Amino acid sequence: MGEVTANVTPGNLAQTLQTLAQIIHERASADPTESYTARLLQGELDQLLKKLGEESIELVMAVKDSNHNHIRYEAADLLYHLLVVLERCGISPEELAGELNARMV
């Protein structure tokens, strides 16, 4: 668990996730010694999956503790790592949106 982010202001989730997904995509070819995202994308798949699992558990624990700021922090960590997994698997944000849209009918 990291330190909860200070001075958080509301934003546009769709725009933020799209921008983050683009940054992750661009970092796929970066030097893994200089980019955590590149290390996740280029490293062992099991390490990335372990990190995704850890972030999921940390979110569950934050919810169980009913700590609003910690829930927000851990949810952001989980979303970031999920976007990295999707990038590594070749699933674009648009494809994911299509999946979600198909479920809303």
PDB file of N, CA and C in Angstrom:
ATOM      1  N   MET A   1       0.829  -1.180   0.000  1.00  0.00           N
ATOM      2  CA  MET A   1       0.000   0.000   0.000  1.00  0.00           C
ATOM      3  C   MET A   1       0.872   1.241   0.000  1.00  0.00           C
ATOM      4  N   GLY A   2       0.462   2.176  -0.808  1.00  0.00           N
ATOM      5  CA  GLY A   2       1.196   3.418  -0.879  1.00  0.00           C
ATOM      6  C   GLY A   2       0.547   4.485  -0.025  1.00  0.00           C
ATOM      7  N   GLU A   3       1.130   5.648  -0.092  1.00  0.00           N
ATOM      8  CA  GLU A   3       0.601   6.788   0.636  1.00  0.00           C
ATOM      9  C   GLU A   3      -0.530   7.412  -0.165  1.00  0.00           C
ATOM     10  N   VAL A   4      -1.630   7.697   0.489  1.00  0.00           N
ATOM     11  CA  VAL A   4      -2.797   8.257  -0.171  1.00  0.00           C
ATOM     12  C   VAL A   4      -2.442   9.606  -0.792  1.00  0.00           C
ATOM     13  N   THR A   5      -2.914   9.831  -2.016  1.00  0.00           N
ATOM     14  CA  THR A   5      -2.630  11.042  -2.766  1.00  0.00           C
ATOM     15  C   THR A   5      -3.327  12.256  -2.141  1.00  0.00           C
ATOM     16  N   ALA A   6      -2.604  13.344  -2.049  1.00  0.00           N
ATOM     17  CA  ALA A   6      -3.161  14.579  -1.494  1.00  0.00           C
ATOM     18  C   ALA A   6      -3.717  15.449  -2.617  1.00  0.00           C
ATOM     19  N   ASN A   7      -4.610  16.345  -2.256  1.00  0.00           N
ATOM     20  CA  ASN A   7      -5.131  17.375  -3.164  1.00  0.00           C
ATOM     21  C   ASN A   7      -5.768  16.808  -4.430  1.00  0.00           C
ATOM     22  N   VAL A   8      -6.585  15.780  -4.290  1.00  0.00           N
ATOM     23  CA  VAL A   8      -7.271  15.170  -5.429  1.00  0.00           C
ATOM     24  C   VAL A   8      -8.509  16.000  -5.755  1.00  0.00           C
ATOM     25  N   THR A   9      -8.676  16.343  -7.031  1.00  0.00           N
ATOM     26  CA  THR A   9      -9.867  17.066  -7.470  1.00  0.00           C
ATOM     27  C   THR A   9     -10.598  16.206  -8.496  1.00  0.00           C
ATOM     28  N   PRO A  10     -11.912  16.349  -8.606  1.00  0.00           N
ATOM     29  CA  PRO A  10     -12.677  15.541  -9.557  1.00  0.00           C
ATOM     30  C   PRO A  10     -12.208  15.750 -10.995  1.00  0.00           C
ATOM     31  N   GLY A  11     -12.358  14.717 -11.800  1.00  0.00           N
ATOM     32  CA  GLY A  11     -11.984  14.783 -13.205  1.00  0.00           C
ATOM     33  C   GLY A  11     -12.956  13.995 -14.053  1.00  0.00           C
ATOM     34  N   ASN A  12     -12.670  13.905 -15.333  1.00  0.00           N
ATOM     35  CA  ASN A  12     -13.489  13.167 -16.286  1.00  0.00           C
ATOM     36  C   ASN A  12     -12.889  11.767 -16.431  1.00  0.00           C
ATOM     37  N   LEU A  13     -13.571  10.756 -15.897  1.00  0.00           N
ATOM     38  CA  LEU A  13     -13.020   9.401 -15.865  1.00  0.00           C
ATOM     39  C   LEU A  13     -12.712   8.860 -17.254  1.00  0.00           C
ATOM     40  N   ALA A  14     -13.631   9.033 -18.193  1.00  0.00           N
ATOM     41  CA  ALA A  14     -13.410   8.514 -19.546  1.00  0.00           C
ATOM     42  C   ALA A  14     -12.169   9.136 -20.176  1.00  0.00           C
ATOM     43  N   GLN A  15     -12.046  10.439 -20.055  1.00  0.00           N
ATOM     44  CA  GLN A  15     -10.900  11.140 -20.626  1.00  0.00           C
ATOM     45  C   GLN A  15      -9.603  10.716 -19.936  1.00  0.00           C
ATOM     46  N   THR A  16      -9.642  10.598 -18.623  1.00  0.00           N
ATOM     47  CA  THR A  16      -8.456  10.207 -17.860  1.00  0.00           C
ATOM     48  C   THR A  16      -8.010   8.800 -18.227  1.00  0.00           C
ATOM     49  N   LEU A  17      -8.949   7.857 -18.311  1.00  0.00           N
ATOM     50  CA  LEU A  17      -8.591   6.483 -18.661  1.00  0.00           C
ATOM     51  C   LEU A  17      -8.061   6.395 -20.084  1.00  0.00           C
ATOM     52  N   GLN A  18      -8.645   7.167 -21.004  1.00  0.00           N
ATOM     53  CA  GLN A  18      -8.168   7.174 -22.388  1.00  0.00           C
ATOM     54  C   GLN A  18      -6.740   7.710 -22.453  1.00  0.00           C
ATOM     55  N   THR A  19      -6.465   8.787 -21.737  1.00  0.00           N
ATOM     56  CA  THR A  19      -5.122   9.358 -21.717  1.00  0.00           C
ATOM     57  C   THR A  19      -4.130   8.386 -21.086  1.00  0.00           C
ATOM     58  N   LEU A  20      -4.518   7.779 -19.974  1.00  0.00           N
ATOM     59  CA  LEU A  20      -3.642   6.816 -19.314  1.00  0.00           C
ATOM     60  C   LEU A  20      -3.365   5.621 -20.214  1.00  0.00           C
ATOM     61  N   ALA A  21      -4.390   5.106 -20.883  1.00  0.00           N
ATOM     62  CA  ALA A  21      -4.202   3.980 -21.803  1.00  0.00           C
ATOM     63  C   ALA A  21      -3.239   4.351 -22.919  1.00  0.00           C
ATOM     64  N   GLN A  22      -3.312   5.574 -23.421  1.00  0.00           N
ATOM     65  CA  GLN A  22      -2.401   6.037 -24.477  1.00  0.00           C
ATOM     66  C   GLN A  22      -0.964   6.107 -23.963  1.00  0.00           C
ATOM     67  N   ILE A  23      -0.790   6.619 -22.759  1.00  0.00           N
ATOM     68  CA  ILE A  23       0.550   6.686 -22.158  1.00  0.00           C
ATOM     69  C   ILE A  23       1.118   5.282 -21.980  1.00  0.00           C
ATOM     70  N   ILE A  24       0.305   4.358 -21.493  1.00  0.00           N
ATOM     71  CA  ILE A  24       0.740   2.973 -21.319  1.00  0.00           C
ATOM     72  C   ILE A  24       1.155   2.392 -22.664  1.00  0.00           C
ATOM     73  N   HIS A  25       0.350   2.622 -23.695  1.00  0.00           N
ATOM     74  CA  HIS A  25       0.659   2.124 -25.035  1.00  0.00           C
ATOM     75  C   HIS A  25       2.010   2.671 -25.520  1.00  0.00           C
ATOM     76  N   GLU A  26       2.238   3.951 -25.304  1.00  0.00           N
ATOM     77  CA  GLU A  26       3.487   4.574 -25.738  1.00  0.00           C
ATOM     78  C   GLU A  26       4.700   4.051 -24.965  1.00  0.00           C
ATOM     79  N   ARG A  27       4.494   3.676 -23.720  1.00  0.00           N
ATOM     80  CA  ARG A  27       5.605   3.193 -22.897  1.00  0.00           C
ATOM     81  C   ARG A  27       5.967   1.739 -23.202  1.00  0.00           C
ATOM     82  N   ALA A  28       5.181   1.069 -24.029  1.00  0.00           N
ATOM     83  CA  ALA A  28       5.449  -0.338 -24.353  1.00  0.00           C
ATOM     84  C   ALA A  28       6.832  -0.523 -24.951  1.00  0.00           C
ATOM     85  N   SER A  29       7.317   0.475 -25.665  1.00  0.00           N
ATOM     86  CA  SER A  29       8.624   0.363 -26.308  1.00  0.00           C
ATOM     87  C   SER A  29       9.714   1.127 -25.558  1.00  0.00           C
ATOM     88  N   ALA A  30       9.401   1.626 -24.382  1.00  0.00           N
ATOM     89  CA  ALA A  30      10.375   2.386 -23.602  1.00  0.00           C
ATOM     90  C   ALA A  30      11.410   1.452 -22.968  1.00  0.00           C
ATOM     91  N   ASP A  31      12.463   2.045 -22.492  1.00  0.00           N
ATOM     92  CA  ASP A  31      13.514   1.301 -21.801  1.00  0.00           C
ATOM     93  C   ASP A  31      12.982   0.843 -20.441  1.00  0.00           C
ATOM     94  N   PRO A  32      12.952  -0.476 -20.190  1.00  0.00           N
ATOM     95  CA  PRO A  32      12.415  -0.970 -18.919  1.00  0.00           C
ATOM     96  C   PRO A  32      13.237  -0.556 -17.697  1.00  0.00           C
ATOM     97  N   THR A  33      14.473  -0.123 -17.907  1.00  0.00           N
ATOM     98  CA  THR A  33      15.260   0.349 -16.770  1.00  0.00           C
ATOM     99  C   THR A  33      14.853   1.762 -16.367  1.00  0.00           C
ATOM    100  N   GLU A  34      14.112   2.430 -17.245  1.00  0.00           N
ATOM    101  CA  GLU A  34      13.703   3.814 -16.973  1.00  0.00           C
ATOM    102  C   GLU A  34      12.196   3.972 -16.789  1.00  0.00           C
ATOM    103  N   SER A  35      11.421   2.922 -17.055  1.00  0.00           N
ATOM    104  CA  SER A  35       9.961   3.033 -17.004  1.00  0.00           C
ATOM    105  C   SER A  35       9.357   1.810 -16.314  1.00  0.00           C
ATOM    106  N   TYR A  36       8.645   2.076 -15.224  1.00  0.00           N
ATOM    107  CA  TYR A  36       7.945   1.006 -14.506  1.00  0.00           C
ATOM    108  C   TYR A  36       6.930   0.341 -15.428  1.00  0.00           C
ATOM    109  N   THR A  37       6.227   1.126 -16.202  1.00  0.00           N
ATOM    110  CA  THR A  37       5.231   0.584 -17.131  1.00  0.00           C
ATOM    111  C   THR A  37       5.896  -0.327 -18.151  1.00  0.00           C
ATOM    112  N   ALA A  38       7.022   0.092 -18.702  1.00  0.00           N
ATOM    113  CA  ALA A  38       7.749  -0.749 -19.661  1.00  0.00           C
ATOM    114  C   ALA A  38       8.197  -2.050 -19.005  1.00  0.00           C
ATOM    115  N   ARG A  39       8.634  -1.989 -17.751  1.00  0.00           N
ATOM    116  CA  ARG A  39       9.022  -3.221 -17.041  1.00  0.00           C
ATOM    117  C   ARG A  39       7.845  -4.171 -16.930  1.00  0.00           C
ATOM    118  N   LEU A  40       6.679  -3.631 -16.619  1.00  0.00           N
ATOM    119  CA  LEU A  40       5.487  -4.478 -16.512  1.00  0.00           C
ATOM    120  C   LEU A  40       5.112  -5.084 -17.864  1.00  0.00           C
ATOM    121  N   LEU A  41       5.210  -4.279 -18.908  1.00  0.00           N
ATOM    122  CA  LEU A  41       4.814  -4.734 -20.239  1.00  0.00           C
ATOM    123  C   LEU A  41       5.812  -5.705 -20.854  1.00  0.00           C
ATOM    124  N   GLN A  42       7.081  -5.545 -20.551  1.00  0.00           N
ATOM    125  CA  GLN A  42       8.118  -6.360 -21.171  1.00  0.00           C
ATOM    126  C   GLN A  42       8.620  -7.493 -20.276  1.00  0.00           C
ATOM    127  N   GLY A  43       8.288  -7.448 -19.012  1.00  0.00           N
ATOM    128  CA  GLY A  43       8.800  -8.434 -18.065  1.00  0.00           C
ATOM    129  C   GLY A  43       7.988  -9.725 -18.066  1.00  0.00           C
ATOM    130  N   GLU A  44       8.229 -10.511 -17.045  1.00  0.00           N
ATOM    131  CA  GLU A  44       7.519 -11.783 -16.891  1.00  0.00           C
ATOM    132  C   GLU A  44       6.026 -11.526 -16.674  1.00  0.00           C
ATOM    133  N   LEU A  45       5.209 -12.253 -17.414  1.00  0.00           N
ATOM    134  CA  LEU A  45       3.759 -12.103 -17.286  1.00  0.00           C
ATOM    135  C   LEU A  45       3.302 -12.415 -15.866  1.00  0.00           C
ATOM    136  N   ASP A  46       3.895 -13.429 -15.251  1.00  0.00           N
ATOM    137  CA  ASP A  46       3.491 -13.790 -13.890  1.00  0.00           C
ATOM    138  C   ASP A  46       3.687 -12.635 -12.910  1.00  0.00           C
ATOM    139  N   GLN A  47       4.717 -11.820 -13.095  1.00  0.00           N
ATOM    140  CA  GLN A  47       4.942 -10.677 -12.215  1.00  0.00           C
ATOM    141  C   GLN A  47       3.830  -9.640 -12.364  1.00  0.00           C
ATOM    142  N   LEU A  48       3.417  -9.412 -13.599  1.00  0.00           N
ATOM    143  CA  LEU A  48       2.327  -8.468 -13.847  1.00  0.00           C
ATOM    144  C   LEU A  48       1.023  -8.995 -13.245  1.00  0.00           C
ATOM    145  N   LEU A  49       0.767 -10.269 -13.430  1.00  0.00           N
ATOM    146  CA  LEU A  49      -0.462 -10.846 -12.883  1.00  0.00           C
ATOM    147  C   LEU A  49      -0.451 -10.840 -11.356  1.00  0.00           C
ATOM    148  N   LYS A  50       0.712 -11.083 -10.773  1.00  0.00           N
ATOM    149  CA  LYS A  50       0.842 -11.010  -9.323  1.00  0.00           C
ATOM    150  C   LYS A  50       0.520  -9.601  -8.841  1.00  0.00           C
ATOM    151  N   LYS A  51       1.026  -8.594  -9.547  1.00  0.00           N
ATOM    152  CA  LYS A  51       0.773  -7.202  -9.172  1.00  0.00           C
ATOM    153  C   LYS A  51      -0.715  -6.873  -9.284  1.00  0.00           C
ATOM    154  N   LEU A  52      -1.366  -7.354 -10.346  1.00  0.00           N
ATOM    155  CA  LEU A  52      -2.801  -7.127 -10.502  1.00  0.00           C
ATOM    156  C   LEU A  52      -3.569  -7.750  -9.333  1.00  0.00           C
ATOM    157  N   GLY A  53      -3.177  -8.954  -8.959  1.00  0.00           N
ATOM    158  CA  GLY A  53      -3.817  -9.620  -7.817  1.00  0.00           C
ATOM    159  C   GLY A  53      -3.604  -8.858  -6.520  1.00  0.00           C
ATOM    160  N   GLU A  54      -2.386  -8.377  -6.293  1.00  0.00           N
ATOM    161  CA  GLU A  54      -2.087  -7.605  -5.083  1.00  0.00           C
ATOM    162  C   GLU A  54      -2.948  -6.352  -5.016  1.00  0.00           C
ATOM    163  N   GLU A  55      -3.057  -5.664  -6.139  1.00  0.00           N
ATOM    164  CA  GLU A  55      -3.848  -4.429  -6.153  1.00  0.00           C
ATOM    165  C   GLU A  55      -5.324  -4.722  -5.907  1.00  0.00           C
ATOM    166  N   SER A  56      -5.803  -5.827  -6.417  1.00  0.00           N
ATOM    167  CA  SER A  56      -7.199  -6.223  -6.180  1.00  0.00           C
ATOM    168  C   SER A  56      -7.449  -6.457  -4.695  1.00  0.00           C
ATOM    169  N   ILE A  57      -6.531  -7.171  -4.072  1.00  0.00           N
ATOM    170  CA  ILE A  57      -6.666  -7.465  -2.644  1.00  0.00           C
ATOM    171  C   ILE A  57      -6.582  -6.185  -1.816  1.00  0.00           C
ATOM    172  N   GLU A  58      -5.667  -5.296  -2.187  1.00  0.00           N
ATOM    173  CA  GLU A  58      -5.538  -4.043  -1.443  1.00  0.00           C
ATOM    174  C   GLU A  58      -6.808  -3.202  -1.552  1.00  0.00           C
ATOM    175  N   LEU A  59      -7.470  -3.233  -2.704  1.00  0.00           N
ATOM    176  CA  LEU A  59      -8.744  -2.510  -2.839  1.00  0.00           C
ATOM    177  C   LEU A  59      -9.806  -3.142  -1.947  1.00  0.00           C
ATOM    178  N   VAL A  60      -9.874  -4.453  -1.947  1.00  0.00           N
ATOM    179  CA  VAL A  60     -10.851  -5.151  -1.097  1.00  0.00           C
ATOM    180  C   VAL A  60     -10.621  -4.781   0.368  1.00  0.00           C
ATOM    181  N   MET A  61      -9.363  -4.754   0.795  1.00  0.00           N
ATOM    182  CA  MET A  61      -9.061  -4.422   2.193  1.00  0.00           C
ATOM    183  C   MET A  61      -9.444  -2.975   2.507  1.00  0.00           C
ATOM    184  N   ALA A  62      -9.208  -2.070   1.566  1.00  0.00           N
ATOM    185  CA  ALA A  62      -9.568  -0.666   1.783  1.00  0.00           C
ATOM    186  C   ALA A  62     -11.085  -0.509   1.905  1.00  0.00           C
ATOM    187  N   VAL A  63     -11.830  -1.237   1.073  1.00  0.00           N
ATOM    188  CA  VAL A  63     -13.294  -1.180   1.149  1.00  0.00           C
ATOM    189  C   VAL A  63     -13.756  -1.743   2.486  1.00  0.00           C
ATOM    190  N   LYS A  64     -13.154  -2.841   2.885  1.00  0.00           N
ATOM    191  CA  LYS A  64     -13.523  -3.455   4.162  1.00  0.00           C
ATOM    192  C   LYS A  64     -13.288  -2.486   5.323  1.00  0.00           C
ATOM    193  N   ASP A  65     -12.236  -1.665   5.221  1.00  0.00           N
ATOM    194  CA  ASP A  65     -11.936  -0.670   6.257  1.00  0.00           C
ATOM    195  C   ASP A  65     -12.786   0.591   6.134  1.00  0.00           C
ATOM    196  N   SER A  66     -13.571   0.704   5.063  1.00  0.00           N
ATOM    197  CA  SER A  66     -14.438   1.874   4.828  1.00  0.00           C
ATOM    198  C   SER A  66     -13.660   3.194   4.834  1.00  0.00           C
ATOM    199  N   ASN A  67     -12.454   3.166   4.267  1.00  0.00           N
ATOM    200  CA  ASN A  67     -11.626   4.367   4.227  1.00  0.00           C
ATOM    201  C   ASN A  67     -11.733   4.976   2.828  1.00  0.00           C
ATOM    202  N   HIS A  68     -12.520   6.017   2.713  1.00  0.00           N
ATOM    203  CA  HIS A  68     -12.841   6.636   1.432  1.00  0.00           C
ATOM    204  C   HIS A  68     -11.590   6.962   0.599  1.00  0.00           C
ATOM    205  N   ASN A  69     -10.650   7.677   1.172  1.00  0.00           N
ATOM    206  CA  ASN A  69      -9.454   8.079   0.431  1.00  0.00           C
ATOM    207  C   ASN A  69      -8.590   6.888   0.042  1.00  0.00           C
ATOM    208  N   HIS A  70      -8.517   5.908   0.903  1.00  0.00           N
ATOM    209  CA  HIS A  70      -7.720   4.720   0.608  1.00  0.00           C
ATOM    210  C   HIS A  70      -8.399   3.885  -0.479  1.00  0.00           C
ATOM    211  N   ILE A  71      -9.716   3.816  -0.463  1.00  0.00           N
ATOM    212  CA  ILE A  71     -10.453   3.111  -1.527  1.00  0.00           C
ATOM    213  C   ILE A  71     -10.141   3.757  -2.871  1.00  0.00           C
ATOM    214  N   ARG A  72     -10.216   5.081  -2.924  1.00  0.00           N
ATOM    215  CA  ARG A  72      -9.933   5.808  -4.167  1.00  0.00           C
ATOM    216  C   ARG A  72      -8.512   5.519  -4.647  1.00  0.00           C
ATOM    217  N   TYR A  73      -7.558   5.560  -3.734  1.00  0.00           N
ATOM    218  CA  TYR A  73      -6.154   5.328  -4.064  1.00  0.00           C
ATOM    219  C   TYR A  73      -5.945   3.922  -4.627  1.00  0.00           C
ATOM    220  N   GLU A  74      -6.481   2.922  -3.953  1.00  0.00           N
ATOM    221  CA  GLU A  74      -6.296   1.535  -4.387  1.00  0.00           C
ATOM    222  C   GLU A  74      -7.072   1.244  -5.669  1.00  0.00           C
ATOM    223  N   ALA A  75      -8.239   1.863  -5.844  1.00  0.00           N
ATOM    224  CA  ALA A  75      -8.988   1.688  -7.095  1.00  0.00           C
ATOM    225  C   ALA A  75      -8.185   2.236  -8.270  1.00  0.00           C
ATOM    226  N   ALA A  76      -7.505   3.355  -8.072  1.00  0.00           N
ATOM    227  CA  ALA A  76      -6.662   3.921  -9.129  1.00  0.00           C
ATOM    228  C   ALA A  76      -5.507   2.977  -9.452  1.00  0.00           C
ATOM    229  N   ASP A  77      -4.882   2.404  -8.434  1.00  0.00           N
ATOM    230  CA  ASP A  77      -3.807   1.426  -8.664  1.00  0.00           C
ATOM    231  C   ASP A  77      -4.316   0.232  -9.463  1.00  0.00           C
ATOM    232  N   LEU A  78      -5.481  -0.262  -9.090  1.00  0.00           N
ATOM    233  CA  LEU A  78      -6.046  -1.428  -9.782  1.00  0.00           C
ATOM    234  C   LEU A  78      -6.368  -1.089 -11.236  1.00  0.00           C
ATOM    235  N   LEU A  79      -6.969   0.059 -11.482  1.00  0.00           N
ATOM    236  CA  LEU A  79      -7.284   0.456 -12.859  1.00  0.00           C
ATOM    237  C   LEU A  79      -6.025   0.596 -13.707  1.00  0.00           C
ATOM    238  N   TYR A  80      -4.991   1.197 -13.138  1.00  0.00           N
ATOM    239  CA  TYR A  80      -3.724   1.328 -13.870  1.00  0.00           C
ATOM    240  C   TYR A  80      -3.186  -0.051 -14.257  1.00  0.00           C
ATOM    241  N   HIS A  81      -3.107  -0.951 -13.301  1.00  0.00           N
ATOM    242  CA  HIS A  81      -2.549  -2.274 -13.581  1.00  0.00           C
ATOM    243  C   HIS A  81      -3.448  -3.070 -14.526  1.00  0.00           C
ATOM    244  N   LEU A  82      -4.759  -2.870 -14.437  1.00  0.00           N
ATOM    245  CA  LEU A  82      -5.669  -3.515 -15.379  1.00  0.00           C
ATOM    246  C   LEU A  82      -5.420  -3.005 -16.795  1.00  0.00           C
ATOM    247  N   LEU A  83      -5.228  -1.703 -16.955  1.00  0.00           N
ATOM    248  CA  LEU A  83      -4.931  -1.145 -18.276  1.00  0.00           C
ATOM    249  C   LEU A  83      -3.605  -1.683 -18.823  1.00  0.00           C
ATOM    250  N   VAL A  84      -2.635  -1.897 -17.950  1.00  0.00           N
ATOM    251  CA  VAL A  84      -1.365  -2.484 -18.390  1.00  0.00           C
ATOM    252  C   VAL A  84      -1.594  -3.914 -18.874  1.00  0.00           C
ATOM    253  N   VAL A  85      -2.377  -4.689 -18.139  1.00  0.00           N
ATOM    254  CA  VAL A  85      -2.687  -6.064 -18.557  1.00  0.00           C
ATOM    255  C   VAL A  85      -3.397  -6.057 -19.909  1.00  0.00           C
ATOM    256  N   LEU A  86      -4.371  -5.184 -20.064  1.00  0.00           N
ATOM    257  CA  LEU A  86      -5.103  -5.121 -21.332  1.00  0.00           C
ATOM    258  C   LEU A  86      -4.178  -4.749 -22.486  1.00  0.00           C
ATOM    259  N   GLU A  87      -3.282  -3.794 -22.263  1.00  0.00           N
ATOM    260  CA  GLU A  87      -2.305  -3.418 -23.292  1.00  0.00           C
ATOM    261  C   GLU A  87      -1.435  -4.617 -23.651  1.00  0.00           C
ATOM    262  N   ARG A  88      -0.981  -5.307 -22.660  1.00  0.00           N
ATOM    263  CA  ARG A  88      -0.114  -6.473 -22.904  1.00  0.00           C
ATOM    264  C   ARG A  88      -0.859  -7.555 -23.673  1.00  0.00           C
ATOM    265  N   CYS A  89      -2.154  -7.660 -23.470  1.00  0.00           N
ATOM    266  CA  CYS A  89      -2.971  -8.675 -24.144  1.00  0.00           C
ATOM    267  C   CYS A  89      -3.538  -8.189 -25.477  1.00  0.00           C
ATOM    268  N   GLY A  90      -3.236  -6.943 -25.854  1.00  0.00           N
ATOM    269  CA  GLY A  90      -3.692  -6.421 -27.132  1.00  0.00           C
ATOM    270  C   GLY A  90      -5.152  -6.025 -27.166  1.00  0.00           C
ATOM    271  N   ILE A  91      -5.706  -5.688 -26.006  1.00  0.00           N
ATOM    272  CA  ILE A  91      -7.101  -5.257 -25.933  1.00  0.00           C
ATOM    273  C   ILE A  91      -7.129  -3.742 -25.742  1.00  0.00           C
ATOM    274  N   SER A  92      -7.672  -3.053 -26.728  1.00  0.00           N
ATOM    275  CA  SER A  92      -7.704  -1.585 -26.693  1.00  0.00           C
ATOM    276  C   SER A  92      -8.827  -1.094 -25.782  1.00  0.00           C
ATOM    277  N   PRO A  93      -8.729   0.158 -25.346  1.00  0.00           N
ATOM    278  CA  PRO A  93      -9.829   0.735 -24.563  1.00  0.00           C
ATOM    279  C   PRO A  93     -11.148   0.722 -25.345  1.00  0.00           C
ATOM    280  N   GLU A  94     -11.063   0.914 -26.665  1.00  0.00           N
ATOM    281  CA  GLU A  94     -12.273   0.909 -27.490  1.00  0.00           C
ATOM    282  C   GLU A  94     -12.912  -0.485 -27.513  1.00  0.00           C
ATOM    283  N   GLU A  95     -12.075  -1.511 -27.575  1.00  0.00           N
ATOM    284  CA  GLU A  95     -12.599  -2.885 -27.551  1.00  0.00           C
ATOM    285  C   GLU A  95     -13.250  -3.187 -26.204  1.00  0.00           C
ATOM    286  N   LEU A  96     -12.615  -2.751 -25.121  1.00  0.00           N
ATOM    287  CA  LEU A  96     -13.201  -2.943 -23.802  1.00  0.00           C
ATOM    288  C   LEU A  96     -14.520  -2.188 -23.682  1.00  0.00           C
ATOM    289  N   ALA A  97     -14.548  -0.957 -24.200  1.00  0.00           N
ATOM    290  CA  ALA A  97     -15.791  -0.178 -24.176  1.00  0.00           C
ATOM    291  C   ALA A  97     -16.887  -0.901 -24.970  1.00  0.00           C
ATOM    292  N   GLY A  98     -16.524  -1.492 -26.109  1.00  0.00           N
ATOM    293  CA  GLY A  98     -17.499  -2.246 -26.883  1.00  0.00           C
ATOM    294  C   GLY A  98     -18.068  -3.422 -26.107  1.00  0.00           C
ATOM    295  N   GLU A  99     -17.210  -4.103 -25.370  1.00  0.00           N
ATOM    296  CA  GLU A  99     -17.666  -5.216 -24.513  1.00  0.00           C
ATOM    297  C   GLU A  99     -18.661  -4.722 -23.474  1.00  0.00           C
ATOM    298  N   LEU A 100     -18.296  -3.624 -22.797  1.00  0.00           N
ATOM    299  CA  LEU A 100     -19.185  -3.079 -21.780  1.00  0.00           C
ATOM    300  C   LEU A 100     -20.495  -2.567 -22.380  1.00  0.00           C
ATOM    301  N   ASN A 101     -20.405  -1.899 -23.548  1.00  0.00           N
ATOM    302  CA  ASN A 101     -21.612  -1.395 -24.216  1.00  0.00           C
ATOM    303  C   ASN A 101     -22.548  -2.539 -24.582  1.00  0.00           C
ATOM    304  N   ALA A 102     -21.981  -3.642 -25.059  1.00  0.00           N
ATOM    305  CA  ALA A 102     -22.806  -4.789 -25.456  1.00  0.00           C
ATOM    306  C   ALA A 102     -23.548  -5.374 -24.268  1.00  0.00           C
ATOM    307  N   ARG A 103     -23.037  -5.206 -23.089  1.00  0.00           N
ATOM    308  CA  ARG A 103     -23.682  -5.734 -21.890  1.00  0.00           C
ATOM    309  C   ARG A 103     -24.793  -4.841 -21.354  1.00  0.00           C
ATOM    310  N   MET A 104     -24.885  -3.612 -21.868  1.00  0.00           N
ATOM    311  CA  MET A 104     -25.875  -2.664 -21.338  1.00  0.00           C
ATOM    312  C   MET A 104     -27.180  -2.691 -22.110  1.00  0.00           C
ATOM    313  N   VAL A 105     -27.327  -3.620 -23.027  1.00  0.00           N
ATOM    314  CA  VAL A 105     -28.576  -3.678 -23.794  1.00  0.00           C
ATOM    315  C   VAL A 105     -29.556  -4.642 -23.192  1.00  0.00           C
TER     316      VAL A 105
END
